[in-house]
Amino acid sequence: MNYDLIVIGSGPGGYVAAIRAAQLGLKTAIVERENLGGICLNWGCIPTKALLKSAQVFEYLNHAADYGIKVNGGEADFGAVVKRSRDVADGMSKGISFLMKKNKIDVITGTGKIKAGKKVEVTADGKATIYEAKHIILAVGARSRALPNLQQDGKKIIGYREAMTLPKMPKSMVVVGSGAIGSEFAYFYATMGTKVTLVEFLPSVVPVEDAEVSKQLERSFKKAGINVMTEASVESVDTKGDNCKVKIKTKKGEEIIECDIVLSAVGIQANLENLGLEDVGIATDKGKILTNPFYQTNMPGYYAIGDCVGGQALAHVASAEGIICVEKIAGHSPEALDYNNIPGCTYCQPEIASVGYTEAKAKEAGYEIKVGKFPFSASGKASAAGAKDGFVKLIFDAKYGELLGAHMIGANVTEMIAEIVVARKLEITGHELIKTVHPHPTMSEAIMEAAAAAYDEVIHM
């Protein structure tokens, strides 16, 4: 069968690209070997947020007295928490199935492999079928990266997929890597009652974030009872006995920590194996497919988006890339994606949200800067909500007032960061942000106050 477009992979890059293509009149098919929605909907973004919400509710129950509420016998049913997470993911996947039907997109179940001549071979139940298209988009995503000294067995040494469906709550866990995945799972399991040790090779947790955000999260995690070990590396894991014996190298020497489970959260690697890239002649570099700003590979008619190309490995980035790619295919003139204005969010408690330059990166880039910071301890809404940990930090170019970056840590900041993304897109200056009236009382007032702090006009601090 012939199509205008075949998309391989139905994650947030693939299914969004397919829908936009259908909207633009292209006869479209999507190939998926597992579940519609890909990792994000089934094993990543969505089910993890369901787990984290359960942990947050449990945390509220454990601290109900702080709000003047008496609760007796609050107990977590770990199996029910996991089941709720899976039900949420299943519901979202069915929603994607509905969208495919609504947009008249053919769903081809099986494992896709590209061939020369703009062909896709799809194998299902041992049978291979060839499809042809004028354009082929690879949206094949990525998986948990394995380290030689941390080989995952799916039982004692696990990745993020197993961490979402453990049969019972472990009494103790070592989480290796403190990026978004590691930090979120460290918070979830610690809140549910697991004794958690978080191991980070670099000097600070969430190392891609602004240094002050990293320090705040480490303080908050330690206050929550998480054992945080920075500048530390896992040398080996002995899984022979009932428990895991984790040998950790630190600045002070080696330390052995015993635990039930080791969770490896040390990053991801693109799913490029057995995809047919070599047969077609598609160029790759450092485990990623090379493309131009509109996601065209070096071979005409073949495109790639999402975690298998360069750029931030984030669901919303994949979706944006998919739309840009398809609009270019359809003959439109889309604007190339600005990768310096992509928000990043981490959904532990306190939450983290950021966009643009960190303070250190702004200085490295040669900017003379103004920095404004407003703590949530000075926020009326944060005090009323019992969520005073954290702050909003804004970085401006001192010469022109350009908003270079924003870094937030606190309750619900992932819902606040989009304001800054829009402000930067529209090139709003610091003074314009100060004069933008924010509602009171809200957490978002901290954005206005942080801008005012940068220009010595802050009111409530």
Protein backbone atom coordinates (compact mmCIF):
# COMPACT_ATOMS: atom_id res chain seq x y z
CA MET A 1 0.00 0.00 0.00
CA ASN A 2 1.24 3.50 -0.82
CA TYR A 3 1.07 6.53 1.48
CA ASP A 4 2.13 10.15 1.41
CA LEU A 5 3.72 9.65 4.83
CA ILE A 6 4.62 6.73 7.07
CA VAL A 7 5.68 7.47 10.64
CA ILE A 8 7.62 4.79 12.54
CA GLY A 9 6.92 5.13 16.26
CA SER A 10 3.79 6.46 17.97
CA GLY A 11 5.24 8.40 20.90
CA PRO A 12 4.58 12.12 21.39
CA GLY A 13 6.73 12.87 18.35
CA GLY A 14 5.26 10.25 16.06
CA TYR A 15 1.56 10.46 16.81
CA VAL A 16 1.59 14.28 16.81
CA ALA A 17 3.39 14.29 13.45
CA ALA A 18 0.85 11.83 12.05
CA ILE A 19 -2.12 13.90 13.21
CA ARG A 20 -0.68 17.15 11.84
CA ALA A 21 0.03 15.38 8.53
CA ALA A 22 -3.56 14.16 8.33
CA GLN A 23 -4.80 17.69 9.07
CA LEU A 24 -2.72 18.92 6.13
CA GLY A 25 -4.28 16.36 3.78
CA LEU A 26 -1.52 13.75 3.65
CA LYS A 27 -2.50 10.09 3.46
CA THR A 28 -0.76 8.84 6.60
CA ALA A 29 0.09 5.61 8.37
CA ILE A 30 1.84 5.05 11.68
CA VAL A 31 3.82 1.97 12.66
CA GLU A 32 3.93 0.85 16.31
CA ARG A 33 5.36 -2.37 17.73
CA GLU A 34 3.96 -2.03 21.24
CA ASN A 35 1.36 0.48 22.52
CA LEU A 36 0.12 3.68 20.92
CA GLY A 37 1.56 6.66 22.75
CA GLY A 38 5.05 5.19 23.02
CA ILE A 39 7.19 5.37 26.13
CA CYS A 40 5.81 8.75 27.23
CA LEU A 41 2.19 7.71 27.58
CA ASN A 42 2.79 4.10 28.59
CA TRP A 43 6.02 4.02 30.60
CA GLY A 44 7.19 7.60 31.08
CA CYS A 45 5.61 11.02 31.41
CA ILE A 46 2.03 10.04 32.17
CA PRO A 47 2.22 6.98 34.47
CA THR A 48 5.08 8.47 36.49
CA LYS A 49 3.00 11.57 37.16
CA ALA A 50 0.20 9.31 38.38
CA LEU A 51 2.63 7.65 40.80
CA LEU A 52 3.93 11.01 41.95
CA LYS A 53 0.41 12.28 42.57
CA SER A 54 -0.30 9.26 44.79
CA ALA A 55 2.89 9.98 46.72
CA GLN A 56 1.89 13.62 47.12
CA VAL A 57 -1.55 12.65 48.46
CA PHE A 58 0.10 10.23 50.89
CA GLU A 59 2.46 13.00 51.97
CA TYR A 60 -0.51 15.29 52.60
CA LEU A 61 -2.13 12.61 54.76
CA ASN A 62 1.05 12.17 56.79
CA HIS A 63 1.19 15.93 57.37
CA ALA A 64 -2.54 16.56 57.73
CA ALA A 65 -2.02 17.81 61.29
CA ASP A 66 0.00 20.70 59.86
CA TYR A 67 -3.25 21.90 58.28
CA GLY A 68 -5.40 21.35 61.34
CA ILE A 69 -6.80 18.03 60.09
CA LYS A 70 -6.79 14.82 62.13
CA VAL A 71 -6.32 11.64 60.09
CA ASN A 72 -6.12 8.22 61.71
CA GLY A 73 -4.49 5.21 60.14
CA GLY A 74 -3.40 6.54 56.76
CA GLU A 75 -1.80 3.63 54.90
CA ALA A 76 -0.45 3.26 51.37
CA ASP A 77 -1.62 0.32 49.26
CA PHE A 78 1.37 0.02 46.94
CA GLY A 79 -0.36 -2.39 44.57
CA ALA A 80 -3.34 -0.06 44.21
CA VAL A 81 -1.02 2.89 43.58
CA VAL A 82 0.70 0.98 40.77
CA LYS A 83 -2.65 -0.17 39.33
CA ARG A 84 -3.96 3.39 39.25
CA SER A 85 -0.85 4.46 37.36
CA ARG A 86 -1.32 1.69 34.79
CA ASP A 87 -5.03 2.51 34.41
CA VAL A 88 -4.17 6.15 33.70
CA ALA A 89 -1.62 5.08 31.08
CA ASP A 90 -4.05 2.63 29.46
CA GLY A 91 -6.71 5.32 29.26
CA MET A 92 -4.32 7.73 27.57
CA SER A 93 -3.22 5.08 25.05
CA LYS A 94 -6.87 4.39 24.15
CA GLY A 95 -7.23 8.13 23.66
CA ILE A 96 -4.46 8.08 21.05
CA SER A 97 -6.22 5.18 19.30
CA PHE A 98 -9.35 7.34 19.10
CA LEU A 99 -7.33 10.22 17.63
CA MET A 100 -5.90 7.92 14.95
CA LYS A 101 -9.39 6.86 13.89
CA LYS A 102 -10.72 10.41 14.06
CA ASN A 103 -7.95 11.62 11.73
CA LYS A 104 -8.21 8.58 9.41
CA ILE A 105 -4.63 7.48 10.11
CA ASP A 106 -3.86 3.82 9.40
CA VAL A 107 -2.25 2.09 12.39
CA ILE A 108 0.13 -0.68 11.34
CA THR A 109 1.08 -2.99 14.20
CA GLY A 110 4.57 -4.47 14.08
CA THR A 111 8.27 -3.63 14.02
CA GLY A 112 9.24 -1.20 11.29
CA LYS A 113 12.46 -1.22 9.31
CA ILE A 114 13.30 1.22 6.54
CA LYS A 115 14.40 0.12 3.09
CA ALA A 116 15.87 1.93 0.12
CA GLY A 117 13.36 3.44 -2.29
CA LYS A 118 11.22 4.95 0.49
CA LYS A 119 9.90 1.63 1.69
CA VAL A 120 9.08 0.34 5.16
CA GLU A 121 9.12 -3.32 6.08
CA VAL A 122 6.81 -4.13 8.98
CA THR A 123 7.19 -7.47 10.72
CA ALA A 124 4.41 -8.87 12.89
CA ASP A 125 3.99 -12.48 14.06
CA GLY A 126 6.91 -13.52 11.87
CA LYS A 127 5.33 -12.11 8.70
CA ALA A 128 6.88 -9.16 6.84
CA THR A 129 4.85 -6.69 4.76
CA ILE A 130 6.27 -3.90 2.59
CA TYR A 131 4.71 -0.44 2.49
CA GLU A 132 5.73 2.55 0.38
CA ALA A 133 5.52 6.29 1.03
CA LYS A 134 6.70 9.56 -0.45
CA HIS A 135 8.05 10.51 2.98
CA ILE A 136 9.12 8.46 6.02
CA ILE A 137 9.59 9.89 9.52
CA LEU A 138 11.59 7.99 12.12
CA ALA A 139 10.21 8.71 15.59
CA VAL A 140 11.68 5.65 17.27
CA GLY A 141 12.50 7.15 20.67
CA ALA A 142 15.01 5.87 23.21
CA ARG A 143 15.43 3.48 26.13
CA SER A 144 17.19 3.34 29.47
CA ARG A 145 20.97 3.46 29.02
CA ALA A 146 22.92 0.53 30.43
CA LEU A 147 26.34 0.89 32.09
CA PRO A 148 28.89 -1.94 31.98
CA ASN A 149 29.12 -2.08 35.79
CA LEU A 150 25.36 -1.69 36.24
CA GLN A 151 23.81 -4.31 33.99
CA GLN A 152 20.04 -4.42 34.44
CA ASP A 153 18.51 -7.81 35.20
CA GLY A 154 14.96 -6.49 35.59
CA LYS A 155 14.68 -7.85 39.14
CA LYS A 156 17.36 -6.47 41.45
CA ILE A 157 18.97 -3.96 39.08
CA ILE A 158 16.16 -2.25 37.23
CA GLY A 159 15.36 0.59 34.84
CA TYR A 160 12.47 3.04 34.85
CA ARG A 161 9.97 0.58 33.35
CA GLU A 162 10.39 -1.96 36.12
CA ALA A 163 10.38 0.84 38.71
CA MET A 164 6.78 1.61 37.75
CA THR A 165 5.47 -1.90 38.19
CA LEU A 166 7.37 -3.51 41.09
CA PRO A 167 5.24 -6.27 42.67
CA LYS A 168 5.85 -4.88 46.15
CA MET A 169 7.35 -1.78 47.68
CA PRO A 170 11.05 -2.28 48.47
CA LYS A 171 12.26 -1.49 51.96
CA SER A 172 15.42 0.09 50.57
CA MET A 173 16.64 1.33 47.21
CA VAL A 174 19.73 2.89 45.65
CA VAL A 175 18.91 5.26 42.79
CA VAL A 176 21.85 5.88 40.46
CA GLY A 177 21.61 9.21 38.65
CA SER A 178 19.85 12.36 39.84
CA GLY A 179 18.43 13.71 36.60
CA ALA A 180 14.67 14.08 36.20
CA ILE A 181 13.99 10.32 36.18
CA GLY A 182 16.22 9.54 39.16
CA SER A 183 14.99 12.48 41.24
CA GLU A 184 11.33 11.71 40.58
CA PHE A 185 11.66 8.07 41.56
CA ALA A 186 13.80 8.96 44.59
CA TYR A 187 11.01 11.26 45.79
CA PHE A 188 8.24 8.75 45.00
CA TYR A 189 9.78 5.80 46.81
CA ALA A 190 11.06 7.83 49.76
CA THR A 191 7.59 9.34 50.26
CA MET A 192 5.97 5.90 50.09
CA GLY A 193 8.30 4.67 52.85
CA THR A 194 11.35 3.19 51.11
CA LYS A 195 14.78 4.06 52.48
CA VAL A 196 16.37 5.76 49.48
CA THR A 197 20.00 6.58 48.66
CA LEU A 198 20.50 8.85 45.65
CA VAL A 199 23.93 8.56 44.00
CA GLU A 200 25.16 11.26 41.59
CA PHE A 201 28.54 11.20 39.83
CA LEU A 202 28.69 14.99 39.42
CA PRO A 203 29.09 17.54 42.25
CA SER A 204 25.38 18.41 42.40
CA VAL A 205 22.00 16.76 41.96
CA VAL A 206 19.95 17.65 38.86
CA PRO A 207 23.26 18.80 37.36
CA VAL A 208 21.78 20.49 34.27
CA GLU A 209 19.89 22.96 36.47
CA ASP A 210 21.07 26.27 37.91
CA ALA A 211 23.47 25.73 40.83
CA GLU A 212 21.12 27.35 43.37
CA VAL A 213 18.25 25.10 42.30
CA SER A 214 20.46 22.04 42.72
CA LYS A 215 21.45 23.10 46.24
CA GLN A 216 17.81 23.72 47.20
CA LEU A 217 16.68 20.30 45.94
CA GLU A 218 19.50 18.59 47.84
CA ARG A 219 18.43 20.37 51.04
CA SER A 220 14.79 19.42 50.47
CA PHE A 221 15.66 15.80 49.72
CA LYS A 222 17.83 15.50 52.81
CA LYS A 223 15.04 17.03 54.91
CA ALA A 224 12.74 14.33 53.46
CA GLY A 225 15.12 11.61 54.64
CA ILE A 226 16.82 10.80 51.33
CA ASN A 227 20.50 9.95 51.61
CA VAL A 228 22.10 12.12 48.90
CA MET A 229 25.62 11.19 47.74
CA THR A 230 27.21 13.53 45.19
CA GLU A 231 30.62 13.12 43.53
CA ALA A 232 30.04 9.41 43.97
CA SER A 233 29.99 6.49 41.55
CA VAL A 234 28.71 2.93 41.70
CA GLU A 235 31.68 0.65 41.12
CA SER A 236 29.84 -2.67 41.29
CA VAL A 237 26.69 -4.38 42.53
CA ASP A 238 26.74 -7.84 44.13
CA THR A 239 23.33 -9.46 43.64
CA LYS A 240 24.22 -12.99 44.79
CA GLY A 241 22.49 -12.83 48.17
CA ASP A 242 18.99 -11.80 49.17
CA ASN A 243 19.94 -8.13 48.93
CA CYS A 244 22.12 -6.01 46.66
CA LYS A 245 25.51 -4.95 47.96
CA VAL A 246 26.35 -1.69 46.19
CA LYS A 247 29.98 -0.60 46.22
CA ILE A 248 30.09 3.20 45.97
CA LYS A 249 33.26 5.22 45.45
CA THR A 250 33.23 8.62 47.17
CA LYS A 251 35.76 11.34 47.91
CA LYS A 252 36.26 9.77 51.33
CA GLY A 253 36.78 6.26 50.01
CA GLU A 254 34.62 3.25 49.23
CA GLU A 255 31.34 2.51 50.95
CA ILE A 256 29.07 -0.55 50.78
CA ILE A 257 25.31 0.05 50.92
CA GLU A 258 22.88 -2.85 51.12
CA CYS A 259 19.46 -2.48 49.54
CA ASP A 260 16.60 -4.45 48.01
CA ILE A 261 16.65 -2.74 44.61
CA VAL A 262 19.08 -0.70 42.52
CA LEU A 263 17.44 1.66 40.04
CA SER A 264 19.64 2.76 37.16
CA ALA A 265 18.62 6.23 35.97
CA VAL A 266 21.80 7.28 34.18
CA GLY A 267 20.27 8.51 30.95
CA ILE A 268 18.90 7.10 27.72
CA GLN A 269 20.11 5.82 24.37
CA ALA A 270 18.33 6.06 21.04
CA ASN A 271 16.66 3.00 19.48
CA LEU A 272 18.73 2.87 16.31
CA GLU A 273 19.46 -0.86 16.16
CA ASN A 274 17.86 -3.01 13.41
CA LEU A 275 16.18 0.05 11.92
CA GLY A 276 17.79 -0.22 8.47
CA LEU A 277 19.79 3.00 8.74
CA GLU A 278 22.92 1.41 7.28
CA ASP A 279 20.99 -0.18 4.39
CA VAL A 280 19.53 3.17 3.38
CA GLY A 281 22.72 5.12 4.11
CA ILE A 282 21.35 7.48 6.74
CA ALA A 283 24.12 9.28 8.65
CA THR A 284 24.43 9.11 12.43
CA ASP A 285 26.80 10.63 14.97
CA LYS A 286 27.32 9.68 18.63
CA GLY A 287 24.24 7.48 18.67
CA LYS A 288 21.90 10.04 17.09
CA ILE A 289 20.50 10.48 13.58
CA LEU A 290 21.82 13.61 11.86
CA THR A 291 19.24 16.00 10.41
CA ASN A 292 18.93 19.57 9.21
CA PRO A 293 16.81 22.15 11.15
CA PHE A 294 13.66 20.71 9.53
CA TYR A 295 14.56 17.08 10.40
CA GLN A 296 15.50 15.93 6.89
CA THR A 297 18.25 13.30 7.01
CA ASN A 298 21.01 13.13 4.43
CA MET A 299 18.79 10.83 2.35
CA PRO A 300 15.87 12.57 0.56
CA GLY A 301 12.45 11.48 1.77
CA TYR A 302 13.69 10.19 5.16
CA TYR A 303 13.27 12.29 8.31
CA ALA A 304 13.87 11.82 12.03
CA ILE A 305 12.46 13.52 15.14
CA GLY A 306 12.45 13.14 18.92
CA ASP A 307 14.87 11.30 21.16
CA CYS A 308 16.69 9.67 18.23
CA VAL A 309 18.05 13.05 17.03
CA GLY A 310 20.04 15.79 18.76
CA GLY A 311 18.39 18.27 21.11
CA GLN A 312 16.67 17.81 24.43
CA ALA A 313 15.11 14.38 24.94
CA LEU A 314 11.71 15.70 26.03
CA ALA A 315 8.19 14.79 24.94
CA HIS A 316 7.20 18.37 24.11
CA VAL A 317 10.34 18.79 22.02
CA ALA A 318 9.48 15.67 19.99
CA SER A 319 5.94 16.97 19.41
CA ALA A 320 7.20 20.38 18.27
CA GLU A 321 9.76 18.74 15.96
CA GLY A 322 7.07 16.50 14.48
CA ILE A 323 4.82 19.45 13.63
CA ILE A 324 7.67 21.46 12.10
CA CYS A 325 8.85 18.45 10.08
CA VAL A 326 5.39 17.69 8.66
CA GLU A 327 4.58 21.31 7.86
CA LYS A 328 7.85 21.53 5.90
CA ILE A 329 6.96 18.31 4.04
CA ALA A 330 3.54 19.78 3.20
CA GLY A 331 5.14 22.84 1.61
CA HIS A 332 4.61 25.30 4.44
CA SER A 333 7.31 27.61 5.82
CA PRO A 334 7.57 26.72 9.53
CA GLU A 335 9.98 28.51 11.83
CA ALA A 336 12.89 26.36 13.02
CA LEU A 337 12.71 25.34 16.68
CA ASP A 338 14.59 27.52 19.19
CA TYR A 339 16.25 24.95 21.42
CA ASN A 340 17.33 27.67 23.85
CA ASN A 341 13.70 28.38 24.70
CA ILE A 342 12.62 24.86 25.66
CA PRO A 343 11.23 24.46 29.19
CA GLY A 344 12.44 21.57 31.30
CA CYS A 345 10.45 20.19 34.23
CA THR A 346 11.14 17.75 37.06
CA TYR A 347 8.07 16.59 38.99
CA CYS A 348 9.44 15.57 42.38
CA GLN A 349 8.51 17.69 45.41
CA PRO A 350 9.56 20.45 45.33
CA GLU A 351 9.09 20.65 41.57
CA ILE A 352 11.72 22.16 39.28
CA ALA A 353 11.10 24.16 36.10
CA SER A 354 13.61 26.08 34.01
CA VAL A 355 14.21 27.61 30.61
CA GLY A 356 17.09 29.41 28.91
CA TYR A 357 20.47 30.27 30.36
CA THR A 358 21.59 29.36 33.86
CA GLU A 359 23.50 32.10 35.65
CA ALA A 360 26.79 30.32 34.94
CA LYS A 361 25.99 29.77 31.24
CA ALA A 362 24.92 33.39 30.79
CA LYS A 363 28.26 34.58 32.16
CA GLU A 364 30.11 32.06 29.97
CA ALA A 365 28.25 33.46 26.95
CA GLY A 366 29.66 36.90 27.76
CA TYR A 367 26.54 38.61 29.07
CA GLU A 368 26.64 41.23 31.79
CA ILE A 369 23.66 40.15 33.84
CA LYS A 370 21.12 41.23 36.42
CA VAL A 371 19.75 38.47 38.66
CA GLY A 372 16.49 38.65 40.57
CA LYS A 373 15.43 36.04 43.10
CA PHE A 374 12.24 35.80 45.14
CA PRO A 375 11.85 33.08 47.81
CA PHE A 376 8.53 31.34 48.32
CA SER A 377 9.04 31.89 52.06
CA ALA A 378 7.97 35.49 51.29
CA SER A 379 4.92 34.41 49.27
CA GLY A 380 1.51 34.64 50.93
CA LYS A 381 0.06 31.85 48.78
CA ALA A 382 3.02 29.56 49.48
CA SER A 383 2.69 30.17 53.22
CA ALA A 384 -1.06 29.47 53.10
CA ALA A 385 -0.40 26.27 51.15
CA GLY A 386 2.36 25.13 53.50
CA ALA A 387 4.83 25.05 50.61
CA LYS A 388 7.48 27.62 51.42
CA ASP A 389 10.50 25.69 50.11
CA GLY A 390 12.03 27.13 46.96
CA PHE A 391 12.23 30.29 44.89
CA VAL A 392 11.99 31.90 41.46
CA LYS A 393 15.22 33.16 39.92
CA LEU A 394 15.30 35.29 36.77
CA ILE A 395 18.36 36.29 34.74
CA PHE A 396 18.37 39.40 32.55
CA ASP A 397 20.84 40.95 30.14
CA ALA A 398 21.91 44.12 31.98
CA LYS A 399 22.31 46.12 28.76
CA TYR A 400 19.00 45.52 26.98
CA GLY A 401 16.81 43.92 29.65
CA GLU A 402 16.43 40.68 27.68
CA LEU A 403 15.10 37.79 29.78
CA LEU A 404 17.90 35.26 29.43
CA GLY A 405 16.67 32.49 31.72
CA ALA A 406 14.37 31.44 34.51
CA HIS A 407 14.88 28.85 37.22
CA MET A 408 12.18 27.80 39.66
CA ILE A 409 11.93 25.28 42.44
CA GLY A 410 8.82 24.91 44.55
CA ALA A 411 5.23 23.70 44.57
CA ASN A 412 3.50 23.75 41.15
CA VAL A 413 6.32 25.62 39.38
CA THR A 414 5.94 23.28 36.38
CA GLU A 415 2.61 25.06 35.79
CA MET A 416 4.32 28.49 35.96
CA ILE A 417 7.23 28.13 33.54
CA ALA A 418 5.17 28.59 30.35
CA GLU A 419 4.72 32.28 31.18
CA ILE A 420 8.49 32.71 30.87
CA VAL A 421 8.64 30.72 27.62
CA VAL A 422 6.04 33.05 26.10
CA ALA A 423 7.80 36.12 27.52
CA ARG A 424 11.11 35.07 25.98
CA LYS A 425 9.42 34.21 22.65
CA LEU A 426 7.94 37.72 22.57
CA GLU A 427 11.23 39.30 23.73
CA ILE A 428 9.69 40.90 26.81
CA THR A 429 12.12 42.97 28.90
CA GLY A 430 12.54 42.95 32.65
CA HIS A 431 10.67 46.24 33.11
CA GLU A 432 7.75 44.99 31.00
CA LEU A 433 7.51 41.88 33.19
CA ILE A 434 7.55 44.00 36.35
CA LYS A 435 4.66 46.08 34.99
CA THR A 436 2.61 43.00 34.06
CA VAL A 437 0.07 42.73 36.90
CA HIS A 438 -0.06 39.26 38.45
CA PRO A 439 -3.02 37.99 40.51
CA HIS A 440 -2.77 37.95 44.29
CA PRO A 441 -2.38 35.65 46.10
CA THR A 442 -0.69 33.23 43.70
CA MET A 443 2.59 31.40 43.42
CA SER A 444 3.08 33.14 40.04
CA GLU A 445 3.45 36.52 41.78
CA ALA A 446 6.98 35.35 42.54
CA ILE A 447 7.82 35.82 38.85
CA MET A 448 6.88 39.52 38.96
CA GLU A 449 8.68 39.94 42.30
CA ALA A 450 11.83 38.22 41.04
CA ALA A 451 11.89 40.56 38.05
CA ALA A 452 11.47 43.51 40.39
CA ALA A 453 14.27 42.20 42.60
CA ALA A 454 16.65 42.27 39.63
CA TYR A 455 16.01 46.00 39.29
CA ASP A 456 15.87 46.85 43.02
CA GLU A 457 12.10 47.38 42.91
CA VAL A 458 10.93 44.33 44.86
CA ILE A 459 8.05 45.04 47.25
CA HIS A 460 7.54 41.99 49.44
CA MET A 461 11.10 41.14 50.42
